[in-house]
Amino acid sequence: MSNKDRIVFIMVGGVMSLLTIIVLGDFWVALHEHRPIDDDIIQLLQMSITGLIGIVGGYFGSKSSDNKDKNNNI
């Protein structure tokens, strides 16, 4: 596993863990205060997941491009 792989893995795992804590915390507070779930939390979740998809897609796109470049130089 290269450093690039580790960085992407740690970044995505960390952000997903943080989002899980935030969402579960808001659900817990909403349950105990008998209020609806905050719309800002849902919007944060949607935007963050969209960003993570972009990061992972860019990573796999660059990895595919690197492999093509290596195969062409041989």
N, C-alpha and C. Protein backbone atom coordinates (compact mmCIF):
# COMPACT_ATOMS: atom_id res chain seq x y z
N MET A 1 0.86 -1.17 0.00
CA MET A 1 0.00 0.00 0.00
C MET A 1 0.90 1.24 0.00
N SER A 2 0.71 2.09 -0.97
CA SER A 2 1.54 3.29 -1.08
C SER A 2 1.03 4.39 -0.13
N ASN A 3 1.82 5.43 -0.01
CA ASN A 3 1.43 6.55 0.86
C ASN A 3 0.16 7.22 0.35
N LYS A 4 0.03 7.30 -0.96
CA LYS A 4 -1.17 7.89 -1.56
C LYS A 4 -2.41 7.10 -1.17
N ASP A 5 -2.30 5.78 -1.21
CA ASP A 5 -3.41 4.90 -0.81
C ASP A 5 -3.77 5.12 0.66
N ARG A 6 -2.75 5.19 1.51
CA ARG A 6 -2.99 5.38 2.94
C ARG A 6 -3.66 6.72 3.23
N ILE A 7 -3.21 7.77 2.56
CA ILE A 7 -3.76 9.10 2.78
C ILE A 7 -5.24 9.14 2.41
N VAL A 8 -5.59 8.59 1.26
CA VAL A 8 -6.99 8.58 0.83
C VAL A 8 -7.82 7.72 1.77
N PHE A 9 -7.31 6.57 2.17
CA PHE A 9 -8.03 5.68 3.08
C PHE A 9 -8.28 6.36 4.43
N ILE A 10 -7.26 6.98 4.99
CA ILE A 10 -7.39 7.64 6.28
C ILE A 10 -8.32 8.85 6.18
N MET A 11 -8.21 9.62 5.10
CA MET A 11 -9.05 10.80 4.93
C MET A 11 -10.53 10.41 4.82
N VAL A 12 -10.83 9.45 3.98
CA VAL A 12 -12.22 9.03 3.80
C VAL A 12 -12.75 8.38 5.08
N GLY A 13 -11.96 7.53 5.69
CA GLY A 13 -12.39 6.90 6.94
C GLY A 13 -12.63 7.91 8.06
N GLY A 14 -11.75 8.88 8.16
CA GLY A 14 -11.90 9.91 9.19
C GLY A 14 -13.13 10.78 8.98
N VAL A 15 -13.35 11.19 7.75
CA VAL A 15 -14.52 12.03 7.47
C VAL A 15 -15.81 11.25 7.68
N MET A 16 -15.82 9.98 7.26
CA MET A 16 -17.02 9.17 7.47
C MET A 16 -17.27 8.94 8.96
N SER A 17 -16.23 8.74 9.74
CA SER A 17 -16.38 8.58 11.19
C SER A 17 -16.93 9.85 11.83
N LEU A 18 -16.38 10.98 11.44
CA LEU A 18 -16.84 12.26 11.96
C LEU A 18 -18.30 12.52 11.60
N LEU A 19 -18.66 12.24 10.36
CA LEU A 19 -20.06 12.41 9.94
C LEU A 19 -20.99 11.49 10.72
N THR A 20 -20.55 10.27 10.96
CA THR A 20 -21.37 9.34 11.73
C THR A 20 -21.62 9.86 13.14
N ILE A 21 -20.59 10.38 13.77
CA ILE A 21 -20.73 10.93 15.12
C ILE A 21 -21.67 12.13 15.12
N ILE A 22 -21.53 13.03 14.14
CA ILE A 22 -22.38 14.21 14.07
C ILE A 22 -23.83 13.83 13.85
N VAL A 23 -24.09 12.93 12.91
CA VAL A 23 -25.47 12.54 12.58
C VAL A 23 -26.11 11.79 13.74
N LEU A 24 -25.39 10.84 14.32
CA LEU A 24 -25.94 10.11 15.46
C LEU A 24 -26.19 11.03 16.65
N GLY A 25 -25.31 12.00 16.85
CA GLY A 25 -25.51 12.97 17.93
C GLY A 25 -26.75 13.80 17.71
N ASP A 26 -26.97 14.26 16.49
CA ASP A 26 -28.17 15.05 16.20
C ASP A 26 -29.43 14.20 16.32
N PHE A 27 -29.38 12.96 15.85
CA PHE A 27 -30.53 12.07 15.99
C PHE A 27 -30.86 11.85 17.47
N TRP A 28 -29.83 11.67 18.29
CA TRP A 28 -30.01 11.45 19.72
C TRP A 28 -30.67 12.67 20.38
N VAL A 29 -30.16 13.86 20.06
CA VAL A 29 -30.71 15.09 20.63
C VAL A 29 -32.15 15.29 20.15
N ALA A 30 -32.41 15.05 18.88
CA ALA A 30 -33.76 15.19 18.33
C ALA A 30 -34.72 14.22 19.00
N LEU A 31 -34.27 13.03 19.29
CA LEU A 31 -35.12 12.04 19.94
C LEU A 31 -35.46 12.46 21.37
N HIS A 32 -34.48 12.95 22.09
CA HIS A 32 -34.71 13.33 23.48
C HIS A 32 -35.45 14.65 23.64
N GLU A 33 -35.32 15.55 22.67
CA GLU A 33 -36.02 16.84 22.75
C GLU A 33 -37.35 16.82 22.00
N HIS A 34 -37.69 15.68 21.42
CA HIS A 34 -38.94 15.53 20.66
C HIS A 34 -39.09 16.61 19.60
N ARG A 35 -38.05 16.78 18.82
CA ARG A 35 -38.07 17.74 17.71
C ARG A 35 -37.66 17.00 16.44
N PRO A 36 -37.97 17.60 15.27
CA PRO A 36 -37.54 16.94 14.04
C PRO A 36 -36.02 17.05 13.85
N ILE A 37 -35.50 16.20 13.01
CA ILE A 37 -34.07 16.21 12.71
C ILE A 37 -33.73 17.51 12.00
N ASP A 38 -32.61 18.10 12.35
CA ASP A 38 -32.20 19.38 11.78
C ASP A 38 -31.88 19.22 10.30
N ASP A 39 -32.47 20.09 9.48
CA ASP A 39 -32.23 20.02 8.03
C ASP A 39 -30.79 20.35 7.66
N ASP A 40 -30.13 21.18 8.47
CA ASP A 40 -28.73 21.52 8.19
C ASP A 40 -27.82 20.29 8.31
N ILE A 41 -28.14 19.39 9.22
CA ILE A 41 -27.34 18.18 9.38
C ILE A 41 -27.50 17.28 8.16
N ILE A 42 -28.72 17.17 7.66
CA ILE A 42 -28.96 16.36 6.47
C ILE A 42 -28.25 16.97 5.26
N GLN A 43 -28.29 18.29 5.14
CA GLN A 43 -27.59 18.96 4.04
C GLN A 43 -26.08 18.77 4.16
N LEU A 44 -25.53 18.86 5.38
CA LEU A 44 -24.11 18.62 5.60
C LEU A 44 -23.74 17.21 5.17
N LEU A 45 -24.57 16.25 5.53
CA LEU A 45 -24.32 14.86 5.18
C LEU A 45 -24.32 14.67 3.67
N GLN A 46 -25.29 15.24 2.99
CA GLN A 46 -25.37 15.11 1.54
C GLN A 46 -24.17 15.74 0.85
N MET A 47 -23.79 16.94 1.27
CA MET A 47 -22.66 17.61 0.64
C MET A 47 -21.34 16.89 0.92
N SER A 48 -21.19 16.38 2.13
CA SER A 48 -19.95 15.68 2.49
C SER A 48 -19.80 14.38 1.71
N ILE A 49 -20.88 13.64 1.59
CA ILE A 49 -20.81 12.39 0.84
C ILE A 49 -20.53 12.67 -0.63
N THR A 50 -21.12 13.73 -1.17
CA THR A 50 -20.82 14.11 -2.55
C THR A 50 -19.34 14.46 -2.72
N GLY A 51 -18.78 15.18 -1.75
CA GLY A 51 -17.36 15.51 -1.79
C GLY A 51 -16.47 14.29 -1.69
N LEU A 52 -16.85 13.36 -0.82
CA LEU A 52 -16.07 12.13 -0.69
C LEU A 52 -16.10 11.30 -1.97
N ILE A 53 -17.25 11.27 -2.62
CA ILE A 53 -17.34 10.56 -3.90
C ILE A 53 -16.40 11.21 -4.91
N GLY A 54 -16.32 12.52 -4.91
CA GLY A 54 -15.41 13.22 -5.81
C GLY A 54 -13.95 12.92 -5.51
N ILE A 55 -13.61 12.87 -4.23
CA ILE A 55 -12.22 12.58 -3.84
C ILE A 55 -11.84 11.16 -4.25
N VAL A 56 -12.70 10.20 -3.93
CA VAL A 56 -12.41 8.81 -4.27
C VAL A 56 -12.40 8.62 -5.78
N GLY A 57 -13.31 9.27 -6.49
CA GLY A 57 -13.32 9.18 -7.95
C GLY A 57 -12.07 9.76 -8.56
N GLY A 58 -11.60 10.89 -8.04
CA GLY A 58 -10.35 11.48 -8.52
C GLY A 58 -9.16 10.60 -8.23
N TYR A 59 -9.17 9.96 -7.08
CA TYR A 59 -8.08 9.05 -6.72
C TYR A 59 -8.02 7.87 -7.68
N PHE A 60 -9.16 7.22 -7.92
CA PHE A 60 -9.17 6.07 -8.82
C PHE A 60 -8.89 6.50 -10.26
N GLY A 61 -9.34 7.70 -10.64
CA GLY A 61 -9.05 8.19 -11.99
C GLY A 61 -7.56 8.43 -12.19
N SER A 62 -6.90 9.00 -11.18
CA SER A 62 -5.46 9.24 -11.30
C SER A 62 -4.69 7.93 -11.24
N LYS A 63 -5.19 6.98 -10.45
CA LYS A 63 -4.52 5.68 -10.36
C LYS A 63 -4.61 4.95 -11.70
N SER A 64 -5.76 5.04 -12.35
CA SER A 64 -5.93 4.43 -13.66
C SER A 64 -5.03 5.11 -14.69
N SER A 65 -4.94 6.42 -14.60
CA SER A 65 -4.09 7.17 -15.53
C SER A 65 -2.62 6.82 -15.33
N ASP A 66 -2.21 6.68 -14.07
CA ASP A 66 -0.82 6.30 -13.78
C ASP A 66 -0.50 4.93 -14.35
N ASN A 67 -1.44 3.98 -14.23
CA ASN A 67 -1.21 2.64 -14.75
C ASN A 67 -1.11 2.64 -16.27
N LYS A 68 -1.90 3.46 -16.95
CA LYS A 68 -1.84 3.54 -18.41
C LYS A 68 -0.50 4.13 -18.86
N ASP A 69 -0.04 5.16 -18.12
CA ASP A 69 1.24 5.79 -18.46
C ASP A 69 2.39 4.79 -18.28
N LYS A 70 2.35 3.99 -17.23
CA LYS A 70 3.41 3.02 -17.00
C LYS A 70 3.41 1.95 -18.07
N ASN A 71 2.23 1.52 -18.51
CA ASN A 71 2.14 0.49 -19.54
C ASN A 71 2.60 1.01 -20.90
N ASN A 72 2.37 2.30 -21.17
CA ASN A 72 2.79 2.87 -22.46
C ASN A 72 4.29 3.08 -22.54
N ASN A 73 4.93 3.29 -21.40
CA ASN A 73 6.38 3.54 -21.39
C ASN A 73 7.19 2.26 -21.48
N ILE A 74 6.58 1.13 -21.30
CA ILE A 74 7.33 -0.13 -21.32
C ILE A 74 7.60 -0.59 -22.71
